[in-house]
């Protein structure tokens, strides 16, 4: 026998108690963005974090893994996993750092630059899809708000 205060199977659950929280709204929006980005990157053999790592390596040749971890705001141990995946795909190589022979400098291969260029175009299209319906000013306000939350503004 069902409790009188139980929600019936198939009934819609109200999240009204959470909708006033910006963090909750951001998390829900992120879930939608991440799901679409996952579908977007899948044909390239990339995921959100491996794409992000590849993008930073392409844009910053010679980047050290510790610098990559800081830029991605992830643990250094996790960066090793991403770099390993990119290296196994033939898109990134670890070369001795010219400044510190104990460290590695990450370099993108020609194949890595090619896959990045194709993936970047797809990610730009994904971004446009996700922001469709917002004006340029609204997108600017959104970016400014994220920068403030991150403490970069």
N, C-alpha and C. Protein backbone atom coordinates (compact mmCIF):
# COMPACT_ATOMS: atom_id res chain seq x y z
N UNK A 1 0.84 -1.18 0.00
CA UNK A 1 0.00 0.00 0.00
C UNK A 1 0.89 1.24 0.00
N UNK A 2 0.58 2.18 -0.88
CA UNK A 2 1.36 3.40 -1.00
C UNK A 2 1.06 4.33 0.16
N UNK A 3 2.11 5.02 0.58
CA UNK A 3 1.91 6.03 1.63
C UNK A 3 1.10 7.17 1.05
N UNK A 4 0.27 7.81 1.86
CA UNK A 4 -0.55 8.91 1.33
C UNK A 4 0.28 10.10 0.85
N UNK A 5 1.51 10.27 1.36
CA UNK A 5 2.32 11.41 0.95
C UNK A 5 3.36 11.03 -0.11
N UNK A 6 3.29 9.81 -0.65
CA UNK A 6 4.24 9.36 -1.66
C UNK A 6 3.83 9.86 -3.04
N UNK A 7 4.82 10.12 -3.88
CA UNK A 7 4.57 10.56 -5.25
C UNK A 7 4.30 9.31 -6.07
N UNK A 8 3.27 9.34 -6.85
CA UNK A 8 2.89 8.20 -7.68
C UNK A 8 3.95 7.94 -8.75
N UNK A 9 4.12 6.67 -9.11
CA UNK A 9 5.03 6.32 -10.19
C UNK A 9 4.63 7.06 -11.45
N UNK A 10 5.63 7.63 -12.14
CA UNK A 10 5.37 8.35 -13.38
C UNK A 10 4.96 9.80 -13.19
N UNK A 11 4.71 10.19 -11.93
CA UNK A 11 4.32 11.57 -11.68
C UNK A 11 5.55 12.47 -11.80
N UNK A 12 5.33 13.68 -12.24
CA UNK A 12 6.43 14.64 -12.37
C UNK A 12 6.84 15.13 -10.98
N UNK A 13 8.15 15.15 -10.75
CA UNK A 13 8.70 15.61 -9.48
C UNK A 13 9.00 17.10 -9.59
N UNK A 14 8.56 17.87 -8.64
CA UNK A 14 8.82 19.30 -8.64
C UNK A 14 10.20 19.58 -8.06
N UNK A 15 10.96 20.40 -8.75
CA UNK A 15 12.25 20.85 -8.22
C UNK A 15 12.20 22.34 -7.90
N UNK A 16 11.00 22.85 -7.67
CA UNK A 16 10.80 24.28 -7.39
C UNK A 16 11.63 24.76 -6.21
N UNK A 17 11.86 23.90 -5.22
CA UNK A 17 12.64 24.28 -4.06
C UNK A 17 14.10 24.56 -4.41
N UNK A 18 14.54 24.07 -5.57
CA UNK A 18 15.94 24.25 -5.98
C UNK A 18 16.12 25.28 -7.08
N UNK A 19 15.07 25.59 -7.81
CA UNK A 19 15.17 26.46 -8.99
C UNK A 19 15.62 27.88 -8.67
N UNK A 20 15.50 28.32 -7.44
CA UNK A 20 15.96 29.66 -7.07
C UNK A 20 17.47 29.73 -6.87
N UNK A 21 18.13 28.58 -6.81
CA UNK A 21 19.58 28.55 -6.58
C UNK A 21 20.32 28.59 -7.91
N UNK A 22 21.18 29.59 -8.05
CA UNK A 22 21.94 29.76 -9.29
C UNK A 22 22.80 28.53 -9.55
N UNK A 23 23.42 27.99 -8.52
CA UNK A 23 24.26 26.81 -8.70
C UNK A 23 23.49 25.63 -9.27
N UNK A 24 22.28 25.45 -8.82
CA UNK A 24 21.43 24.36 -9.34
C UNK A 24 21.13 24.59 -10.81
N UNK A 25 20.80 25.82 -11.16
CA UNK A 25 20.52 26.15 -12.55
C UNK A 25 21.77 25.96 -13.42
N UNK A 26 22.92 26.35 -12.90
CA UNK A 26 24.17 26.19 -13.64
C UNK A 26 24.47 24.71 -13.86
N UNK A 27 24.25 23.89 -12.84
CA UNK A 27 24.51 22.46 -12.95
C UNK A 27 23.59 21.83 -14.00
N UNK A 28 22.32 22.20 -13.99
CA UNK A 28 21.38 21.66 -14.99
C UNK A 28 21.80 22.09 -16.40
N UNK A 29 22.18 23.35 -16.55
CA UNK A 29 22.62 23.84 -17.86
C UNK A 29 23.91 23.12 -18.28
N UNK A 30 24.82 22.92 -17.34
CA UNK A 30 26.07 22.21 -17.65
C UNK A 30 25.78 20.79 -18.11
N UNK A 31 24.82 20.12 -17.49
CA UNK A 31 24.48 18.76 -17.90
C UNK A 31 24.03 18.71 -19.36
N UNK A 32 23.24 19.71 -19.76
CA UNK A 32 22.78 19.77 -21.16
C UNK A 32 23.97 20.05 -22.08
N UNK A 33 24.79 21.02 -21.70
CA UNK A 33 25.98 21.36 -22.50
C UNK A 33 26.91 20.17 -22.63
N UNK A 34 27.17 19.50 -21.53
CA UNK A 34 28.11 18.38 -21.53
C UNK A 34 27.59 17.23 -22.39
N UNK A 35 26.31 16.93 -22.31
CA UNK A 35 25.74 15.84 -23.11
C UNK A 35 25.88 16.14 -24.60
N UNK A 36 25.60 17.38 -24.99
CA UNK A 36 25.71 17.76 -26.40
C UNK A 36 27.18 17.76 -26.83
N UNK A 37 28.06 18.23 -25.98
CA UNK A 37 29.48 18.25 -26.32
C UNK A 37 30.03 16.83 -26.43
N UNK A 38 29.58 15.94 -25.59
CA UNK A 38 30.00 14.54 -25.67
C UNK A 38 29.64 13.96 -27.03
N UNK A 39 28.41 14.20 -27.47
CA UNK A 39 27.98 13.73 -28.80
C UNK A 39 28.79 14.40 -29.91
N UNK A 40 29.11 15.66 -29.72
CA UNK A 40 29.86 16.42 -30.73
C UNK A 40 31.28 15.89 -30.88
N UNK A 41 31.92 15.56 -29.77
CA UNK A 41 33.34 15.14 -29.80
C UNK A 41 33.55 13.66 -30.07
N UNK A 42 32.52 12.87 -29.88
CA UNK A 42 32.65 11.42 -30.03
C UNK A 42 33.23 10.98 -31.38
N UNK A 43 32.79 11.57 -32.50
CA UNK A 43 33.36 11.14 -33.79
C UNK A 43 34.86 11.38 -33.93
N UNK A 44 35.41 12.24 -33.10
CA UNK A 44 36.84 12.57 -33.16
C UNK A 44 37.66 11.74 -32.18
N UNK A 45 36.99 10.91 -31.39
CA UNK A 45 37.69 10.12 -30.37
C UNK A 45 38.12 10.96 -29.19
N UNK A 46 37.41 12.06 -28.96
CA UNK A 46 37.74 12.98 -27.87
C UNK A 46 36.58 13.08 -26.88
N UNK A 47 36.91 13.49 -25.68
CA UNK A 47 35.93 13.84 -24.66
C UNK A 47 36.20 15.27 -24.25
N UNK A 48 35.35 15.81 -23.41
CA UNK A 48 35.47 17.22 -23.03
C UNK A 48 36.88 17.53 -22.51
N UNK A 49 37.40 16.73 -21.60
CA UNK A 49 38.69 17.04 -21.00
C UNK A 49 39.86 16.74 -21.94
N UNK A 50 39.76 15.68 -22.75
CA UNK A 50 40.85 15.43 -23.69
C UNK A 50 40.87 16.50 -24.79
N UNK A 51 39.68 16.96 -25.20
CA UNK A 51 39.64 18.07 -26.16
C UNK A 51 40.26 19.32 -25.54
N UNK A 52 39.89 19.61 -24.31
CA UNK A 52 40.41 20.81 -23.63
C UNK A 52 41.93 20.73 -23.51
N UNK A 53 42.43 19.55 -23.14
CA UNK A 53 43.88 19.38 -23.03
C UNK A 53 44.55 19.57 -24.39
N UNK A 54 43.98 18.95 -25.42
CA UNK A 54 44.55 19.09 -26.76
C UNK A 54 44.54 20.55 -27.20
N UNK A 55 43.46 21.25 -26.96
CA UNK A 55 43.37 22.66 -27.34
C UNK A 55 44.48 23.48 -26.68
N UNK A 56 44.70 23.25 -25.40
CA UNK A 56 45.73 24.01 -24.69
C UNK A 56 47.13 23.65 -25.17
N UNK A 57 47.35 22.39 -25.51
CA UNK A 57 48.66 21.98 -26.01
C UNK A 57 48.91 22.56 -27.40
N UNK A 58 47.88 22.58 -28.24
CA UNK A 58 48.00 23.19 -29.57
C UNK A 58 48.34 24.67 -29.43
N UNK A 59 47.65 25.36 -28.54
CA UNK A 59 47.82 26.81 -28.38
C UNK A 59 49.07 27.20 -27.59
N UNK A 60 49.62 26.24 -26.84
CA UNK A 60 50.78 26.53 -25.97
C UNK A 60 51.84 25.46 -26.14
N UNK A 61 52.50 25.39 -27.29
CA UNK A 61 53.52 24.36 -27.50
C UNK A 61 54.59 24.41 -26.41
N UNK A 62 54.96 23.24 -25.92
CA UNK A 62 55.98 23.17 -24.88
C UNK A 62 55.41 23.25 -23.47
N UNK A 63 54.11 23.27 -23.36
CA UNK A 63 53.43 23.31 -22.07
C UNK A 63 53.85 22.10 -21.24
N UNK A 64 54.15 22.31 -19.97
CA UNK A 64 54.47 21.20 -19.07
C UNK A 64 53.19 20.62 -18.50
N UNK A 65 53.16 19.33 -18.19
CA UNK A 65 51.95 18.73 -17.61
C UNK A 65 51.44 19.47 -16.37
N UNK A 66 52.33 19.96 -15.53
CA UNK A 66 51.88 20.69 -14.33
C UNK A 66 51.16 21.98 -14.72
N UNK A 67 51.65 22.65 -15.77
CA UNK A 67 50.98 23.86 -16.26
C UNK A 67 49.62 23.52 -16.86
N UNK A 68 49.54 22.39 -17.55
CA UNK A 68 48.28 21.95 -18.12
C UNK A 68 47.27 21.67 -17.02
N UNK A 69 47.70 21.01 -15.95
CA UNK A 69 46.81 20.72 -14.82
C UNK A 69 46.26 22.02 -14.22
N UNK A 70 47.13 22.99 -14.04
CA UNK A 70 46.70 24.27 -13.48
C UNK A 70 45.70 24.95 -14.41
N UNK A 71 46.00 24.98 -15.70
CA UNK A 71 45.11 25.64 -16.66
C UNK A 71 43.74 24.96 -16.73
N UNK A 72 43.71 23.64 -16.60
CA UNK A 72 42.45 22.90 -16.65
C UNK A 72 41.75 22.82 -15.29
N UNK A 73 42.45 23.27 -14.24
CA UNK A 73 41.93 23.21 -12.88
C UNK A 73 41.59 21.77 -12.48
N UNK A 74 42.54 20.86 -12.77
CA UNK A 74 42.39 19.45 -12.39
C UNK A 74 43.66 18.99 -11.67
N UNK A 75 43.56 17.85 -11.02
CA UNK A 75 44.71 17.27 -10.33
C UNK A 75 45.76 16.84 -11.35
N UNK A 76 47.02 16.96 -10.97
CA UNK A 76 48.11 16.58 -11.88
C UNK A 76 48.01 15.12 -12.30
N UNK A 77 47.58 14.25 -11.37
CA UNK A 77 47.46 12.82 -11.69
C UNK A 77 46.44 12.60 -12.81
N UNK A 78 45.39 13.39 -12.82
CA UNK A 78 44.38 13.25 -13.87
C UNK A 78 44.91 13.70 -15.23
N UNK A 79 45.76 14.72 -15.22
CA UNK A 79 46.34 15.20 -16.47
C UNK A 79 47.17 14.11 -17.12
N UNK A 80 47.85 13.32 -16.33
CA UNK A 80 48.66 12.23 -16.88
C UNK A 80 47.78 11.29 -17.70
N UNK A 81 46.58 11.00 -17.20
CA UNK A 81 45.65 10.13 -17.92
C UNK A 81 45.26 10.75 -19.26
N UNK A 82 44.93 12.04 -19.27
CA UNK A 82 44.54 12.71 -20.51
C UNK A 82 45.69 12.74 -21.51
N UNK A 83 46.88 13.07 -21.02
CA UNK A 83 48.04 13.13 -21.90
C UNK A 83 48.36 11.74 -22.44
N UNK A 84 48.25 10.71 -21.59
CA UNK A 84 48.46 9.33 -22.06
C UNK A 84 47.51 9.00 -23.21
N UNK A 85 46.24 9.37 -23.06
CA UNK A 85 45.25 9.08 -24.10
C UNK A 85 45.59 9.82 -25.40
N UNK A 86 45.98 11.07 -25.28
CA UNK A 86 46.34 11.85 -26.46
C UNK A 86 47.61 11.31 -27.11
N UNK A 87 48.55 10.86 -26.29
CA UNK A 87 49.79 10.30 -26.82
C UNK A 87 49.52 8.96 -27.51
N UNK A 88 48.68 8.12 -26.91
CA UNK A 88 48.33 6.83 -27.52
C UNK A 88 47.64 7.02 -28.87
N UNK A 89 46.87 8.09 -29.00
CA UNK A 89 46.19 8.39 -30.27
C UNK A 89 47.16 8.94 -31.31
N UNK A 90 48.36 9.31 -30.88
CA UNK A 90 49.35 9.87 -31.80
C UNK A 90 49.20 11.36 -32.02
N UNK A 91 48.51 12.03 -31.11
CA UNK A 91 48.22 13.45 -31.28
C UNK A 91 49.15 14.36 -30.47
N UNK A 92 49.81 13.79 -29.47
CA UNK A 92 50.68 14.57 -28.59
C UNK A 92 51.92 13.74 -28.31
N UNK A 93 53.05 14.43 -28.17
CA UNK A 93 54.27 13.76 -27.73
C UNK A 93 54.81 14.48 -26.51
N UNK A 94 55.49 13.71 -25.67
CA UNK A 94 56.21 14.27 -24.53
C UNK A 94 57.67 14.38 -24.95
N UNK A 95 58.19 15.57 -24.91
CA UNK A 95 59.59 15.80 -25.26
C UNK A 95 60.28 16.39 -24.03
N UNK A 96 61.58 16.16 -23.90
CA UNK A 96 62.28 16.79 -22.77
C UNK A 96 62.13 18.31 -22.83
N UNK A 97 61.88 18.91 -21.69
CA UNK A 97 61.74 20.37 -21.64
C UNK A 97 63.10 21.01 -21.84
N UNK A 98 63.18 22.03 -22.71
CA UNK A 98 64.46 22.71 -22.92
C UNK A 98 64.92 23.47 -21.68
N UNK A 99 63.96 23.86 -20.81
CA UNK A 99 64.32 24.62 -19.60
C UNK A 99 64.65 23.74 -18.41
N UNK A 100 64.06 22.54 -18.36
CA UNK A 100 64.23 21.65 -17.22
C UNK A 100 64.19 20.22 -17.72
N UNK A 101 65.37 19.59 -17.78
CA UNK A 101 65.45 18.25 -18.35
C UNK A 101 64.69 17.21 -17.53
N UNK A 102 64.33 17.55 -16.30
CA UNK A 102 63.55 16.62 -15.47
C UNK A 102 62.07 16.65 -15.85
N UNK A 103 61.66 17.66 -16.60
CA UNK A 103 60.25 17.83 -16.93
C UNK A 103 60.02 17.53 -18.42
N UNK A 104 58.77 17.32 -18.75
CA UNK A 104 58.37 17.11 -20.14
C UNK A 104 57.73 18.36 -20.69
N UNK A 105 57.93 18.58 -21.97
CA UNK A 105 57.24 19.63 -22.70
C UNK A 105 56.29 18.91 -23.66
N UNK A 106 55.04 19.31 -23.65
CA UNK A 106 54.04 18.66 -24.48
C UNK A 106 53.98 19.34 -25.84
N UNK A 107 54.05 18.54 -26.87
CA UNK A 107 54.00 19.05 -28.24
C UNK A 107 52.89 18.32 -28.99
N UNK A 108 52.21 19.04 -29.85
CA UNK A 108 51.16 18.45 -30.66
C UNK A 108 51.77 17.96 -31.97
N UNK A 109 51.35 16.78 -32.39
CA UNK A 109 51.82 16.25 -33.67
C UNK A 109 50.97 16.85 -34.80
N UNK A 110 51.39 16.62 -36.03
CA UNK A 110 50.61 17.07 -37.17
C UNK A 110 49.22 16.44 -37.15
N UNK A 111 49.16 15.15 -36.84
CA UNK A 111 47.85 14.46 -36.74
C UNK A 111 47.00 15.09 -35.65
N UNK A 112 47.63 15.47 -34.55
CA UNK A 112 46.91 16.12 -33.45
C UNK A 112 46.36 17.47 -33.86
N UNK A 113 47.17 18.25 -34.58
CA UNK A 113 46.70 19.56 -35.05
C UNK A 113 45.54 19.40 -36.04
N UNK A 114 45.59 18.36 -36.84
CA UNK A 114 44.52 18.13 -37.82
C UNK A 114 43.21 17.74 -37.11
N UNK A 115 43.30 16.81 -36.17
CA UNK A 115 42.07 16.40 -35.47
C UNK A 115 41.54 17.57 -34.64
N UNK A 116 42.45 18.34 -34.07
CA UNK A 116 42.02 19.50 -33.29
C UNK A 116 41.27 20.50 -34.18
N UNK A 117 41.77 20.77 -35.37
CA UNK A 117 41.12 21.74 -36.26
C UNK A 117 39.70 21.29 -36.59
N UNK A 118 39.52 20.00 -36.87
CA UNK A 118 38.17 19.49 -37.18
C UNK A 118 37.28 19.53 -35.94
N UNK A 119 37.83 19.12 -34.81
CA UNK A 119 37.05 19.11 -33.56
C UNK A 119 36.70 20.54 -33.14
N UNK A 120 37.63 21.46 -33.32
CA UNK A 120 37.37 22.85 -32.95
C UNK A 120 36.19 23.42 -33.74
N UNK A 121 36.12 23.11 -35.01
CA UNK A 121 34.99 23.58 -35.83
C UNK A 121 33.69 23.00 -35.30
N UNK A 122 33.70 21.73 -34.92
CA UNK A 122 32.50 21.09 -34.37
C UNK A 122 32.13 21.69 -33.02
N UNK A 123 33.12 22.01 -32.20
CA UNK A 123 32.86 22.61 -30.89
C UNK A 123 32.30 24.02 -31.05
N UNK A 124 32.80 24.76 -32.02
CA UNK A 124 32.24 26.10 -32.29
C UNK A 124 30.77 25.99 -32.71
N UNK A 125 30.45 25.00 -33.52
CA UNK A 125 29.05 24.79 -33.93
C UNK A 125 28.21 24.39 -32.72
N UNK A 126 28.76 23.55 -31.86
CA UNK A 126 28.08 23.16 -30.61
C UNK A 126 27.79 24.39 -29.77
N UNK A 127 28.79 25.25 -29.61
CA UNK A 127 28.64 26.47 -28.81
C UNK A 127 27.53 27.35 -29.39
N UNK A 128 27.51 27.49 -30.70
CA UNK A 128 26.48 28.31 -31.36
C UNK A 128 25.09 27.71 -31.12
N UNK A 129 24.99 26.37 -31.19
CA UNK A 129 23.71 25.70 -30.91
C UNK A 129 23.24 25.97 -29.49
N UNK A 130 24.17 25.86 -28.56
CA UNK A 130 23.81 26.01 -27.15
C UNK A 130 23.42 27.45 -26.81
N UNK A 131 24.00 28.41 -27.52
CA UNK A 131 23.72 29.82 -27.24
C UNK A 131 22.66 30.41 -28.16
N UNK A 132 22.13 29.60 -29.04
CA UNK A 132 21.09 30.07 -29.96
C UNK A 132 19.94 30.68 -29.16
N UNK A 133 19.51 31.83 -29.60
CA UNK A 133 18.41 32.51 -28.90
C UNK A 133 18.89 33.60 -27.96
N UNK A 134 20.18 33.61 -27.66
CA UNK A 134 20.73 34.68 -26.82
C UNK A 134 21.34 35.74 -27.73
N UNK A 135 21.20 36.98 -27.33
CA UNK A 135 21.82 38.07 -28.08
C UNK A 135 23.31 38.11 -27.76
N UNK A 136 24.05 38.84 -28.56
CA UNK A 136 25.49 39.00 -28.32
C UNK A 136 25.73 39.63 -26.94
N UNK A 137 24.90 40.61 -26.57
CA UNK A 137 25.03 41.25 -25.26
C UNK A 137 24.75 40.25 -24.13
N UNK A 138 23.75 39.40 -24.32
CA UNK A 138 23.43 38.40 -23.30
C UNK A 138 24.56 37.39 -23.13
N UNK A 139 25.17 37.00 -24.23
CA UNK A 139 26.32 36.09 -24.15
C UNK A 139 27.46 36.78 -23.43
N UNK A 140 27.69 38.05 -23.73
CA UNK A 140 28.73 38.81 -23.03
C UNK A 140 28.46 38.90 -21.54
N UNK A 141 27.21 39.14 -21.17
CA UNK A 141 26.83 39.19 -19.76
C UNK A 141 27.06 37.84 -19.09
N UNK A 142 26.72 36.77 -19.77
CA UNK A 142 26.92 35.42 -19.25
C UNK A 142 28.41 35.15 -19.01
N UNK A 143 29.23 35.52 -19.98
CA UNK A 143 30.69 35.32 -19.83
C UNK A 143 31.24 36.16 -18.68
N UNK A 144 30.75 37.38 -18.57
CA UNK A 144 31.18 38.26 -17.48
C UNK A 144 30.78 37.67 -16.13
N UNK A 145 29.58 37.14 -16.04
CA UNK A 145 29.10 36.53 -14.79
C UNK A 145 29.96 35.32 -14.42
N UNK A 146 30.30 34.48 -15.40
CA UNK A 146 31.15 33.32 -15.11
C UNK A 146 32.53 33.77 -14.64
N UNK A 147 33.07 34.80 -15.26
CA UNK A 147 34.37 35.32 -14.85
C UNK A 147 34.32 35.83 -13.42
N UNK A 148 33.24 36.50 -13.05
CA UNK A 148 33.08 36.97 -11.67
C UNK A 148 33.01 35.82 -10.69
N UNK A 149 32.25 34.79 -11.05
CA UNK A 149 32.12 33.63 -10.17
C UNK A 149 33.47 32.95 -9.99
N UNK A 150 34.24 32.87 -11.06
CA UNK A 150 35.56 32.24 -11.00
C UNK A 150 36.59 33.13 -10.31
N UNK A 151 36.27 34.40 -10.15
CA UNK A 151 37.22 35.32 -9.53
C UNK A 151 38.22 35.87 -10.51
N UNK A 152 37.89 35.88 -11.80
CA UNK A 152 38.80 36.38 -12.83
C UNK A 152 38.46 37.80 -13.25
N UNK A 153 37.40 38.36 -12.74
CA UNK A 153 37.01 39.70 -13.20
C UNK A 153 37.36 40.75 -12.16
